[in-house]
Amino acid sequence: MLRRHSKLSSAGSNHFVTTVTRIRGNWFVEPKTCTSLLTLFEWCRNRYRLDCIGYVLMPDHFHLVLHQPEQDRSISQCQMQFKKMSSGQLRIPQFHEVRLWQNGYDDVLIPGADAVITKLKYVHSNPVRRGLVENAIDYLWSSSRFYEGRESGLITVRHFSS
């Protein structure tokens, strides 16, 4: 569902953002594909000056918890750029005639520290619920390992504490 980003975006706001592939499936499972997507998102995140609080790249969708430090439409610009560039770079054969990503994306304003913690737990437990790993920390394409003090991964994560 597309939300109206200009109404949600304000300096210092936190957002739960989800981007989904047009055709559901196991598209992002190969390490090379996952590395490419996360590296590309990191470039876009830097370009649009967003802070990433948490993330998980699933086989057919991407969850992000983002902090917008400045007043502008940088989340929507970042998502547009990311989707455009990733669609052009990945070249998944099944998407030859169809766009890789669904139109729009979901952007939900997170209204406080407790809600951010809840969203981070949801994001990090996603691979466990899907049966991809037994423990969230074992999933390589997530910020869960960062919060366990291990590594930040391909996306720079800003630690969130309530």
Protein backbone atom coordinates (compact mmCIF):
# COMPACT_ATOMS: atom_id res chain seq x y z
CA MET A 1 0.00 0.00 0.00
CA LEU A 2 1.33 3.42 -0.91
CA ARG A 3 1.17 6.03 1.82
CA ARG A 4 1.44 9.76 1.21
CA HIS A 5 5.08 10.38 2.06
CA SER A 6 5.05 14.16 1.98
CA LYS A 7 2.63 14.14 4.93
CA LEU A 8 4.65 11.60 6.89
CA SER A 9 8.13 12.96 6.36
CA SER A 10 9.49 15.33 8.94
CA ALA A 11 12.86 16.02 10.49
CA GLY A 12 13.72 13.44 13.13
CA SER A 13 11.02 10.95 12.14
CA ASN A 14 11.39 7.16 12.07
CA HIS A 15 9.77 5.06 9.36
CA PHE A 16 8.99 1.40 8.69
CA VAL A 17 9.42 0.92 4.94
CA THR A 18 8.60 -2.19 2.92
CA THR A 19 9.29 -2.78 -0.77
CA VAL A 20 7.91 -5.91 -2.44
CA THR A 21 8.66 -7.62 -5.74
CA ARG A 22 5.93 -7.57 -8.36
CA ILE A 23 5.95 -11.38 -8.55
CA ARG A 24 6.38 -13.13 -5.19
CA GLY A 25 9.09 -15.82 -5.09
CA ASN A 26 12.63 -16.63 -4.04
CA TRP A 27 14.45 -13.98 -6.08
CA PHE A 28 16.95 -12.74 -3.50
CA VAL A 29 18.63 -15.89 -2.23
CA GLU A 30 21.94 -15.96 -4.09
CA PRO A 31 24.72 -14.20 -2.14
CA LYS A 32 25.77 -12.20 -5.22
CA THR A 33 22.21 -10.88 -5.72
CA CYS A 34 21.76 -10.04 -2.02
CA THR A 35 25.16 -8.34 -1.86
CA SER A 36 24.35 -6.28 -4.95
CA LEU A 37 20.98 -5.16 -3.59
CA LEU A 38 22.30 -4.20 -0.16
CA THR A 39 25.32 -2.40 -1.63
CA LEU A 40 23.03 -0.47 -3.95
CA PHE A 41 20.69 0.47 -1.10
CA GLU A 42 23.67 1.66 0.96
CA TRP A 43 24.68 3.95 -1.90
CA CYS A 44 21.12 5.34 -2.12
CA ARG A 45 20.88 5.72 1.67
CA ASN A 46 24.07 7.78 1.70
CA ARG A 47 23.00 9.87 -1.27
CA TYR A 48 19.70 10.83 0.37
CA ARG A 49 21.19 11.23 3.86
CA LEU A 50 19.04 8.67 5.64
CA ASP A 51 20.01 6.73 8.74
CA CYS A 52 19.27 3.02 8.74
CA ILE A 53 18.20 1.71 12.15
CA GLY A 54 17.50 -1.83 10.94
CA TYR A 55 16.82 -3.93 7.85
CA VAL A 56 16.18 -7.38 6.46
CA LEU A 57 16.34 -8.43 2.82
CA MET A 58 13.96 -11.34 2.34
CA PRO A 59 13.67 -13.48 -0.84
CA ASP A 60 10.92 -11.24 -2.27
CA HIS A 61 10.75 -8.10 -0.14
CA PHE A 62 12.87 -5.63 1.77
CA HIS A 63 12.01 -4.23 5.22
CA LEU A 64 13.75 -1.11 6.50
CA VAL A 65 13.57 0.93 9.68
CA LEU A 66 14.82 4.36 8.65
CA HIS A 67 15.45 7.63 10.44
CA GLN A 68 14.98 10.81 8.44
CA PRO A 69 17.22 13.45 10.01
CA GLU A 70 16.19 16.29 7.66
CA GLN A 71 12.84 17.69 6.51
CA ASP A 72 12.33 16.67 2.89
CA ARG A 73 11.06 13.81 0.76
CA SER A 74 14.30 11.84 0.91
CA ILE A 75 12.69 8.47 1.72
CA SER A 76 10.54 8.54 -1.40
CA GLN A 77 13.48 9.74 -3.51
CA CYS A 78 15.71 7.03 -2.08
CA GLN A 79 13.14 4.31 -2.76
CA MET A 80 12.53 5.52 -6.30
CA GLN A 81 16.27 5.56 -7.05
CA PHE A 82 16.86 2.16 -5.42
CA LYS A 83 14.03 0.46 -7.29
CA LYS A 84 15.02 1.98 -10.62
CA MET A 85 18.70 1.09 -10.29
CA SER A 86 18.14 -2.41 -8.89
CA SER A 87 15.64 -3.25 -11.63
CA GLY A 88 18.22 -2.27 -14.22
CA GLN A 89 21.16 -4.04 -12.60
CA LEU A 90 19.70 -7.37 -11.51
CA ARG A 91 18.31 -8.64 -14.80
CA ILE A 92 16.36 -11.56 -13.28
CA PRO A 93 15.10 -13.52 -16.33
CA GLN A 94 11.56 -13.96 -14.96
CA PHE A 95 11.22 -10.16 -14.80
CA HIS A 96 12.26 -9.54 -18.40
CA GLU A 97 8.76 -8.46 -19.45
CA VAL A 98 7.56 -7.31 -16.01
CA ARG A 99 8.89 -4.71 -13.57
CA LEU A 100 10.89 -6.17 -10.69
CA TRP A 101 9.17 -4.15 -7.93
CA GLN A 102 5.53 -3.43 -7.22
CA ASN A 103 4.43 0.15 -7.78
CA GLY A 104 4.97 2.27 -4.69
CA TYR A 105 6.05 0.98 -1.32
CA ASP A 106 4.71 1.00 2.21
CA ASP A 107 5.93 3.76 4.52
CA VAL A 108 4.58 3.84 8.07
CA LEU A 109 5.58 6.51 10.55
CA ILE A 110 6.86 4.94 13.79
CA PRO A 111 5.48 6.96 16.71
CA GLY A 112 8.04 6.50 19.47
CA ALA A 113 10.94 4.52 20.91
CA ASP A 114 8.87 1.51 22.01
CA ALA A 115 7.36 1.23 18.54
CA VAL A 116 10.83 1.35 16.94
CA ILE A 117 11.98 -1.53 19.17
CA THR A 118 8.84 -3.49 18.21
CA LYS A 119 9.50 -2.92 14.50
CA LEU A 120 13.15 -3.96 14.87
CA LYS A 121 12.07 -7.21 16.55
CA TYR A 122 9.57 -7.81 13.76
CA VAL A 123 12.18 -7.12 11.05
CA HIS A 124 14.82 -9.34 12.66
CA SER A 125 12.43 -12.24 13.30
CA ASN A 126 11.17 -12.26 9.69
CA PRO A 127 13.68 -14.89 8.43
CA VAL A 128 12.89 -17.12 11.43
CA ARG A 129 9.13 -16.94 10.82
CA ARG A 130 9.74 -17.73 7.14
CA GLY A 131 11.82 -20.79 8.12
CA LEU A 132 15.04 -19.55 6.51
CA VAL A 133 17.05 -19.81 9.75
CA GLU A 134 16.47 -20.99 13.31
CA ASN A 135 17.98 -17.89 14.92
CA ALA A 136 17.74 -14.36 13.57
CA ILE A 137 21.47 -13.79 14.11
CA ASP A 138 22.23 -16.52 11.55
CA TYR A 139 20.60 -14.63 8.68
CA LEU A 140 23.29 -12.75 6.77
CA TRP A 141 21.04 -10.19 5.05
CA SER A 142 19.80 -8.47 8.19
CA SER A 143 20.92 -5.96 10.82
CA SER A 144 20.28 -8.52 13.56
CA ARG A 145 23.99 -9.38 13.73
CA PHE A 146 24.81 -5.69 14.27
CA TYR A 147 22.52 -5.53 17.30
CA GLU A 148 24.20 -8.63 18.71
CA GLY A 149 27.57 -6.85 18.52
CA ARG A 150 28.95 -8.91 15.66
CA GLU A 151 29.08 -6.91 12.42
CA SER A 152 27.24 -4.14 10.64
CA GLY A 153 26.88 -5.87 7.29
CA LEU A 154 26.71 -4.07 3.95
CA ILE A 155 24.40 -1.33 5.19
CA THR A 156 25.68 1.10 7.81
CA VAL A 157 23.35 0.85 10.79
CA ARG A 158 22.83 3.55 13.37
CA HIS A 159 22.28 1.88 16.73
CA PHE A 160 18.91 2.59 18.24
CA SER A 161 18.40 2.58 21.97
CA SER A 162 15.28 3.74 23.76
